[in-house]
PDB file of N, CA and C in Angstrom:
ATOM      1  N   UNK A   1      66.740 101.328  56.377  1.00  0.00           N
ATOM      2  CA  UNK A   1      66.383 100.521  57.360  1.00  0.00           C
ATOM      3  C   UNK A   1      64.836 100.834  58.268  1.00  0.00           C
ATOM      4  N   UNK A   2      64.079 100.132  58.333  1.00  0.00           N
ATOM      5  CA  UNK A   2      62.708 100.115  58.905  1.00  0.00           C
ATOM      6  C   UNK A   2      62.714 100.633  60.164  1.00  0.00           C
ATOM      7  N   UNK A   3      61.727 101.604  60.632  1.00  0.00           N
ATOM      8  CA  UNK A   3      61.471 101.548  62.301  1.00  0.00           C
ATOM      9  C   UNK A   3      61.468 100.513  63.098  1.00  0.00           C
ATOM     10  N   UNK A   4      60.759  99.296  62.563  1.00  0.00           N
ATOM     11  CA  UNK A   4      60.539  98.208  63.113  1.00  0.00           C
ATOM     12  C   UNK A   4      62.159  97.158  63.375  1.00  0.00           C
ATOM     13  N   UNK A   5      63.022  97.629  62.288  1.00  0.00           N
ATOM     14  CA  UNK A   5      64.238  96.784  62.246  1.00  0.00           C
ATOM     15  C   UNK A   5      65.179  97.516  63.406  1.00  0.00           C
ATOM     16  N   UNK A   6      65.020  98.788  63.392  1.00  0.00           N
ATOM     17  CA  UNK A   6      65.932  99.725  64.149  1.00  0.00           C
ATOM     18  C   UNK A   6      65.257  99.262  65.742  1.00  0.00           C
ATOM     19  N   UNK A   7      64.420  99.309  65.881  1.00  0.00           N
ATOM     20  CA  UNK A   7      64.006  98.625  67.218  1.00  0.00           C
ATOM     21  C   UNK A   7      64.465  97.360  67.661  1.00  0.00           C
ATOM     22  N   UNK A   8      64.002  96.647  66.993  1.00  0.00           N
ATOM     23  CA  UNK A   8      64.662  95.204  66.972  1.00  0.00           C
ATOM     24  C   UNK A   8      66.108  95.232  66.961  1.00  0.00           C
ATOM     25  N   UNK A   9      66.797  95.783  66.627  1.00  0.00           N
ATOM     26  CA  UNK A   9      68.395  95.929  66.421  1.00  0.00           C
ATOM     27  C   UNK A   9      68.765  96.109  68.107  1.00  0.00           C
ATOM     28  N   UNK A  10      68.211  97.497  68.186  1.00  0.00           N
ATOM     29  CA  UNK A  10      68.568  97.994  69.826  1.00  0.00           C
ATOM     30  C   UNK A  10      68.065  97.063  70.945  1.00  0.00           C
ATOM     31  N   UNK A  11      66.915  96.124  70.735  1.00  0.00           N
ATOM     32  CA  UNK A  11      66.471  95.318  71.602  1.00  0.00           C
ATOM     33  C   UNK A  11      67.826  94.251  72.053  1.00  0.00           C
ATOM     34  N   UNK A  12      68.395  93.709  70.889  1.00  0.00           N
ATOM     35  CA  UNK A  12      69.134  92.562  70.743  1.00  0.00           C
ATOM     36  C   UNK A  12      70.511  93.388  71.096  1.00  0.00           C
ATOM     37  N   UNK A  13      70.921  94.526  70.947  1.00  0.00           N
ATOM     38  CA  UNK A  13      72.081  95.149  71.358  1.00  0.00           C
ATOM     39  C   UNK A  13      72.085  95.272  72.871  1.00  0.00           C
ATOM     40  N   UNK A  14      70.910  95.442  73.470  1.00  0.00           N
ATOM     41  CA  UNK A  14      70.772  95.733  74.955  1.00  0.00           C
ATOM     42  C   UNK A  14      70.388  94.786  75.770  1.00  0.00           C
ATOM     43  N   UNK A  15      69.826  93.628  74.944  1.00  0.00           N
ATOM     44  CA  UNK A  15      69.771  92.435  75.770  1.00  0.00           C
ATOM     45  C   UNK A  15      70.804  91.763  76.665  1.00  0.00           C
ATOM     46  N   UNK A  16      70.476  91.455  77.554  1.00  0.00           N
ATOM     47  CA  UNK A  16      71.569  90.745  78.636  1.00  0.00           C
ATOM     48  C   UNK A  16      72.426  91.839  79.523  1.00  0.00           C
ATOM     49  N   UNK A  17      72.033  93.202  79.428  1.00  0.00           N
ATOM     50  CA  UNK A  17      72.807  94.002  79.969  1.00  0.00           C
ATOM     51  C   UNK A  17      72.397  93.960  81.567  1.00  0.00           C
ATOM     52  N   UNK A  18      71.387  93.667  81.938  1.00  0.00           N
ATOM     53  CA  UNK A  18      70.965  93.336  83.465  1.00  0.00           C
ATOM     54  C   UNK A  18      71.773  92.598  83.877  1.00  0.00           C
ATOM     55  N   UNK A  19      72.641  91.448  83.009  1.00  0.00           N
ATOM     56  CA  UNK A  19      73.316  90.382  83.984  1.00  0.00           C
ATOM     57  C   UNK A  19      74.977  90.986  84.042  1.00  0.00           C
ATOM     58  N   UNK A  20      75.131  91.924  83.079  1.00  0.00           N
ATOM     59  CA  UNK A  20      76.690  92.404  83.150  1.00  0.00           C
ATOM     60  C   UNK A  20      76.697  93.350  84.332  1.00  0.00           C
ATOM     61  N   UNK A  21      78.140  93.214  84.577  1.00  0.00           N
ATOM     62  CA  UNK A  21      78.643  94.148  85.792  1.00  0.00           C
ATOM     63  C   UNK A  21      78.541  95.458  85.463  1.00  0.00           C
ATOM     64  N   UNK A  22      78.861  96.292  86.536  1.00  0.00           N
ATOM     65  CA  UNK A  22      78.555  97.392  86.173  1.00  0.00           C
ATOM     66  C   UNK A  22      79.448  98.017  85.182  1.00  0.00           C
ATOM     67  N   UNK A  23      80.810  97.351  85.611  1.00  0.00           N
ATOM     68  CA  UNK A  23      82.338  97.796  84.820  1.00  0.00           C
ATOM     69  C   UNK A  23      82.064  97.292  83.092  1.00  0.00           C
ATOM     70  N   UNK A  24      81.248  96.177  83.000  1.00  0.00           N
ATOM     71  CA  UNK A  24      80.944  95.896  81.774  1.00  0.00           C
ATOM     72  C   UNK A  24      79.820  96.866  80.911  1.00  0.00           C
ATOM     73  N   UNK A  25      78.984  97.304  81.669  1.00  0.00           N
ATOM     74  CA  UNK A  25      78.179  98.204  81.161  1.00  0.00           C
ATOM     75  C   UNK A  25      78.788  99.424  80.815  1.00  0.00           C
ATOM     76  N   UNK A  26      79.531  99.787  81.590  1.00  0.00           N
ATOM     77  CA  UNK A  26      80.228 101.072  81.203  1.00  0.00           C
ATOM     78  C   UNK A  26      80.938 101.133  79.996  1.00  0.00           C
ATOM     79  N   UNK A  27      81.692  99.746  80.073  1.00  0.00           N
ATOM     80  CA  UNK A  27      82.224  99.633  78.661  1.00  0.00           C
ATOM     81  C   UNK A  27      81.793  99.806  77.592  1.00  0.00           C
ATOM     82  N   UNK A  28      80.349  99.137  77.535  1.00  0.00           N
ATOM     83  CA  UNK A  28      79.405  99.094  76.495  1.00  0.00           C
ATOM     84  C   UNK A  28      79.003 100.455  76.176  1.00  0.00           C
ATOM     85  N   UNK A  29      78.869 101.116  77.164  1.00  0.00           N
ATOM     86  CA  UNK A  29      78.417 102.647  76.799  1.00  0.00           C
ATOM     87  C   UNK A  29      79.533 103.381  76.091  1.00  0.00           C
ATOM     88  N   UNK A  30      80.856 103.358  76.706  1.00  0.00           N
ATOM     89  CA  UNK A  30      82.001 103.631  76.479  1.00  0.00           C
ATOM     90  C   UNK A  30      82.165 103.583  74.923  1.00  0.00           C
ATOM     91  N   UNK A  31      81.631 102.108  74.285  1.00  0.00           N
ATOM     92  CA  UNK A  31      82.025 101.918  73.110  1.00  0.00           C
ATOM     93  C   UNK A  31      80.921 102.633  72.169  1.00  0.00           C
ATOM     94  N   UNK A  32      79.794 102.832  72.971  1.00  0.00           N
ATOM     95  CA  UNK A  32      78.572 103.458  72.094  1.00  0.00           C
ATOM     96  C   UNK A  32      79.076 104.763  71.790  1.00  0.00           C
ATOM     97  N   UNK A  33      79.701 105.410  72.751  1.00  0.00           N
ATOM     98  CA  UNK A  33      80.077 106.645  72.533  1.00  0.00           C
ATOM     99  C   UNK A  33      81.158 107.073  71.361  1.00  0.00           C
ATOM    100  N   UNK A  34      82.260 106.112  71.537  1.00  0.00           N
ATOM    101  CA  UNK A  34      83.092 106.058  70.739  1.00  0.00           C
ATOM    102  C   UNK A  34      82.316 106.290  68.928  1.00  0.00           C
ATOM    103  N   UNK A  35      81.743 104.865  69.063  1.00  0.00           N
ATOM    104  CA  UNK A  35      80.929 104.626  67.749  1.00  0.00           C
ATOM    105  C   UNK A  35      80.043 105.898  67.385  1.00  0.00           C
ATOM    106  N   UNK A  36      79.608 106.556  68.062  1.00  0.00           N
ATOM    107  CA  UNK A  36      78.702 107.847  67.823  1.00  0.00           C
ATOM    108  C   UNK A  36      79.349 108.866  67.338  1.00  0.00           C
ATOM    109  N   UNK A  37      80.511 108.774  67.620  1.00  0.00           N
ATOM    110  CA  UNK A  37      81.490 109.983  67.189  1.00  0.00           C
ATOM    111  C   UNK A  37      82.018 109.873  65.794  1.00  0.00           C
ATOM    112  N   UNK A  38      81.946 108.375  65.481  1.00  0.00           N
ATOM    113  CA  UNK A  38      82.632 108.041  64.067  1.00  0.00           C
ATOM    114  C   UNK A  38      81.432 107.847  63.084  1.00  0.00           C
ATOM    115  N   UNK A  39      80.304 107.582  63.727  1.00  0.00           N
ATOM    116  CA  UNK A  39      79.241 107.357  62.662  1.00  0.00           C
ATOM    117  C   UNK A  39      78.694 108.862  62.240  1.00  0.00           C
ATOM    118  N   UNK A  40      78.307 108.828  60.952  1.00  0.00           N
ATOM    119  CA  UNK A  40      77.669 109.893  59.969  1.00  0.00           C
ATOM    120  C   UNK A  40      76.306 109.884  60.116  1.00  0.00           C
ATOM    121  N   UNK A  41      75.549 108.695  59.782  1.00  0.00           N
ATOM    122  CA  UNK A  41      74.072 108.555  59.608  1.00  0.00           C
ATOM    123  C   UNK A  41      73.313 109.129  60.734  1.00  0.00           C
ATOM    124  N   UNK A  42      72.312 109.960  60.599  1.00  0.00           N
ATOM    125  CA  UNK A  42      71.338 110.486  61.445  1.00  0.00           C
ATOM    126  C   UNK A  42      70.854 109.170  62.192  1.00  0.00           C
ATOM    127  N   UNK A  43      69.835 108.414  60.901  1.00  0.00           N
ATOM    128  CA  UNK A  43      69.480 107.099  61.970  1.00  0.00           C
ATOM    129  C   UNK A  43      69.985 106.126  62.953  1.00  0.00           C
ATOM    130  N   UNK A  44      71.756 105.915  62.033  1.00  0.00           N
ATOM    131  CA  UNK A  44      72.246 105.255  63.157  1.00  0.00           C
ATOM    132  C   UNK A  44      72.673 106.033  64.371  1.00  0.00           C
ATOM    133  N   UNK A  45      73.000 107.593  64.416  1.00  0.00           N
ATOM    134  CA  UNK A  45      73.057 108.167  65.494  1.00  0.00           C
ATOM    135  C   UNK A  45      72.146 108.019  66.648  1.00  0.00           C
ATOM    136  N   UNK A  46      71.054 108.085  65.791  1.00  0.00           N
ATOM    137  CA  UNK A  46      69.823 108.311  66.625  1.00  0.00           C
ATOM    138  C   UNK A  46      69.494 106.784  67.270  1.00  0.00           C
ATOM    139  N   UNK A  47      69.884 105.550  66.748  1.00  0.00           N
ATOM    140  CA  UNK A  47      69.736 104.077  67.205  1.00  0.00           C
ATOM    141  C   UNK A  47      70.681 103.987  68.415  1.00  0.00           C
ATOM    142  N   UNK A  48      72.012 104.406  68.076  1.00  0.00           N
ATOM    143  CA  UNK A  48      73.119 104.487  69.023  1.00  0.00           C
ATOM    144  C   UNK A  48      72.856 105.013  70.395  1.00  0.00           C
ATOM    145  N   UNK A  49      71.965 106.367  70.085  1.00  0.00           N
ATOM    146  CA  UNK A  49      71.952 107.462  71.245  1.00  0.00           C
ATOM    147  C   UNK A  49      70.729 106.715  72.253  1.00  0.00           C
ATOM    148  N   UNK A  50      69.832 105.962  71.330  1.00  0.00           N
ATOM    149  CA  UNK A  50      68.933 104.928  72.538  1.00  0.00           C
ATOM    150  C   UNK A  50      69.268 104.030  72.966  1.00  0.00           C
ATOM    151  N   UNK A  51      70.288 103.206  72.525  1.00  0.00           N
ATOM    152  CA  UNK A  51      71.093 102.272  73.229  1.00  0.00           C
ATOM    153  C   UNK A  51      71.827 102.539  74.123  1.00  0.00           C
ATOM    154  N   UNK A  52      72.436 103.976  74.013  1.00  0.00           N
ATOM    155  CA  UNK A  52      73.514 104.756  75.065  1.00  0.00           C
ATOM    156  C   UNK A  52      72.433 104.816  76.287  1.00  0.00           C
ATOM    157  N   UNK A  53      71.419 105.707  76.376  1.00  0.00           N
ATOM    158  CA  UNK A  53      70.234 106.096  76.911  1.00  0.00           C
ATOM    159  C   UNK A  53      69.996 104.419  77.888  1.00  0.00           C
ATOM    160  N   UNK A  54      69.571 103.291  77.046  1.00  0.00           N
ATOM    161  CA  UNK A  54      69.267 102.297  77.734  1.00  0.00           C
ATOM    162  C   UNK A  54      70.254 101.706  78.758  1.00  0.00           C
ATOM    163  N   UNK A  55      71.575 101.853  78.407  1.00  0.00           N
ATOM    164  CA  UNK A  55      72.777 101.398  78.996  1.00  0.00           C
ATOM    165  C   UNK A  55      72.852 102.323  80.034  1.00  0.00           C
ATOM    166  N   UNK A  56      72.899 103.554  80.216  1.00  0.00           N
ATOM    167  CA  UNK A  56      72.949 104.437  81.338  1.00  0.00           C
ATOM    168  C   UNK A  56      71.870 104.255  82.354  1.00  0.00           C
ATOM    169  N   UNK A  57      70.723 103.801  81.999  1.00  0.00           N
ATOM    170  CA  UNK A  57      69.341 103.768  82.720  1.00  0.00           C
ATOM    171  C   UNK A  57      69.987 102.617  83.631  1.00  0.00           C
ATOM    172  N   UNK A  58      70.974 101.566  82.866  1.00  0.00           N
ATOM    173  CA  UNK A  58      70.944 100.200  83.628  1.00  0.00           C
ATOM    174  C   UNK A  58      72.138 100.439  84.662  1.00  0.00           C
ATOM    175  N   UNK A  59      72.995 101.242  84.330  1.00  0.00           N
ATOM    176  CA  UNK A  59      74.338 101.863  85.358  1.00  0.00           C
ATOM    177  C   UNK A  59      73.603 102.750  86.379  1.00  0.00           C
ATOM    178  N   UNK A  60      72.547 103.451  86.369  1.00  0.00           N
ATOM    179  CA  UNK A  60      71.838 103.961  87.325  1.00  0.00           C
ATOM    180  C   UNK A  60      71.380 102.882  88.189  1.00  0.00           C
ATOM    181  N   UNK A  61      70.577 101.837  87.527  1.00  0.00           N
ATOM    182  CA  UNK A  61      69.807 101.100  88.590  1.00  0.00           C
ATOM    183  C   UNK A  61      70.834 100.299  89.461  1.00  0.00           C
ATOM    184  N   UNK A  62      71.810  99.834  88.695  1.00  0.00           N
ATOM    185  CA  UNK A  62      72.830  99.534  89.332  1.00  0.00           C
ATOM    186  C   UNK A  62      73.493  99.896  90.183  1.00  0.00           C
ATOM    187  N   UNK A  63      74.084 101.352  90.200  1.00  0.00           N
ATOM    188  CA  UNK A  63      74.202 101.924  90.934  1.00  0.00           C
ATOM    189  C   UNK A  63      73.546 102.233  92.506  1.00  0.00           C
ATOM    190  N   UNK A  64      72.363 102.358  92.205  1.00  0.00           N
ATOM    191  CA  UNK A  64      70.920 102.495  93.258  1.00  0.00           C
ATOM    192  C   UNK A  64      70.982 101.179  93.873  1.00  0.00           C
ATOM    193  N   UNK A  65      71.245 100.438  93.573  1.00  0.00           N
ATOM    194  CA  UNK A  65      71.253  99.013  94.294  1.00  0.00           C
ATOM    195  C   UNK A  65      72.536  98.912  94.930  1.00  0.00           C
ATOM    196  N   UNK A  66      73.672  99.266  94.729  1.00  0.00           N
ATOM    197  CA  UNK A  66      75.042  99.235  95.766  1.00  0.00           C
ATOM    198  C   UNK A  66      74.464 100.155  96.736  1.00  0.00           C
ATOM    199  N   UNK A  67      74.014 101.254  96.350  1.00  0.00           N
ATOM    200  CA  UNK A  67      74.016 102.634  97.478  1.00  0.00           C
ATOM    201  C   UNK A  67      72.842 101.960  98.415  1.00  0.00           C
ATOM    202  N   UNK A  68      71.793 101.223  98.022  1.00  0.00           N
ATOM    203  CA  UNK A  68      70.900 100.875  99.256  1.00  0.00           C
ATOM    204  C   UNK A  68      71.786 100.156 100.255  1.00  0.00           C
ATOM    205  N   UNK A  69      72.698  99.133  99.901  1.00  0.00           N
ATOM    206  CA  UNK A  69      73.001  97.823 100.522  1.00  0.00           C
ATOM    207  C   UNK A  69      74.471  98.515 101.150  1.00  0.00           C
ATOM    208  N   UNK A  70      74.844  99.692 100.993  1.00  0.00           N
ATOM    209  CA  UNK A  70      76.228 100.141 101.577  1.00  0.00           C
ATOM    210  C   UNK A  70      75.151 101.045 103.420  1.00  0.00           C
ATOM    211  N   UNK A  71      76.296  99.954 104.275  1.00  0.00           N
ATOM    212  CA  UNK A  71      76.012 100.448 105.842  1.00  0.00           C
ATOM    213  C   UNK A  71      76.997 101.082 106.454  1.00  0.00           C
ATOM    214  N   UNK A  72      76.697 101.584 107.390  1.00  0.00           N
ATOM    215  CA  UNK A  72      77.959 102.735 108.200  1.00  0.00           C
ATOM    216  C   UNK A  72      78.247 101.906 109.562  1.00  0.00           C
ATOM    217  N   UNK A  73      79.444 101.421 109.716  1.00  0.00           N
ATOM    218  CA  UNK A  73      79.647 101.307 110.998  1.00  0.00           C
ATOM    219  C   UNK A  73      80.052 102.199 112.329  1.00  0.00           C
ATOM    220  N   UNK A  74      79.125 102.474 113.193  1.00  0.00           N
ATOM    221  CA  UNK A  74      79.301 103.461 114.220  1.00  0.00           C
ATOM    222  C   UNK A  74      80.703 102.703 115.161  1.00  0.00           C
ATOM    223  N   UNK A  75      80.724 103.785 116.204  1.00  0.00           N
ATOM    224  CA  UNK A  75      82.012 103.310 117.123  1.00  0.00           C
ATOM    225  C   UNK A  75      81.756 102.354 117.758  1.00  0.00           C
ATOM    226  N   UNK A  76      80.512 102.079 118.097  1.00  0.00           N
ATOM    227  CA  UNK A  76      80.219 100.619 118.989  1.00  0.00           C
ATOM    228  C   UNK A  76      80.563  99.411 118.238  1.00  0.00           C
ATOM    229  N   UNK A  77      80.815  99.570 116.655  1.00  0.00           N
ATOM    230  CA  UNK A  77      80.458  98.441 116.314  1.00  0.00           C
ATOM    231  C   UNK A  77      79.283  97.799 115.518  1.00  0.00           C
ATOM    232  N   UNK A  78      78.203  98.872 115.544  1.00  0.00           N
ATOM    233  CA  UNK A  78      76.836  98.635 115.149  1.00  0.00           C
ATOM    234  C   UNK A  78      76.835  99.116 113.612  1.00  0.00           C
ATOM    235  N   UNK A  79      75.984  98.481 112.615  1.00  0.00           N
ATOM    236  CA  UNK A  79      75.794  99.087 111.418  1.00  0.00           C
ATOM    237  C   UNK A  79      74.189  99.925 111.460  1.00  0.00           C
ATOM    238  N   UNK A  80      74.438 100.792 110.407  1.00  0.00           N
ATOM    239  CA  UNK A  80      73.526 101.922 110.159  1.00  0.00           C
ATOM    240  C   UNK A  80      73.232 102.000 108.599  1.00  0.00           C
ATOM    241  N   UNK A  81      72.233 101.910 108.142  1.00  0.00           N
ATOM    242  CA  UNK A  81      72.153 102.080 106.716  1.00  0.00           C
ATOM    243  C   UNK A  81      72.566 103.758 106.611  1.00  0.00           C
ATOM    244  N   UNK A  82      73.241 103.880 105.270  1.00  0.00           N
ATOM    245  CA  UNK A  82      73.628 104.835 104.814  1.00  0.00           C
ATOM    246  C   UNK A  82      72.864 105.952 103.841  1.00  0.00           C
TER     247      UNK A  82
END
């Protein structure tokens, strides 16, 4: 498989992850890890590593967005950013 084919395959496998829930992205990341443990090919392992890093990046972005929306309710009932 050529380098361009690998890149195209990675793009197709990570497309739409931004629309997934955090739980769905974690499930996909977990599957990549399982696949990497079973795969012997260096080329395929590199491809899955890249896919896993993209999924991890998406997880971090989603978590950051949630953390920014968390607010603390004080004793008087007013909200404050976390």
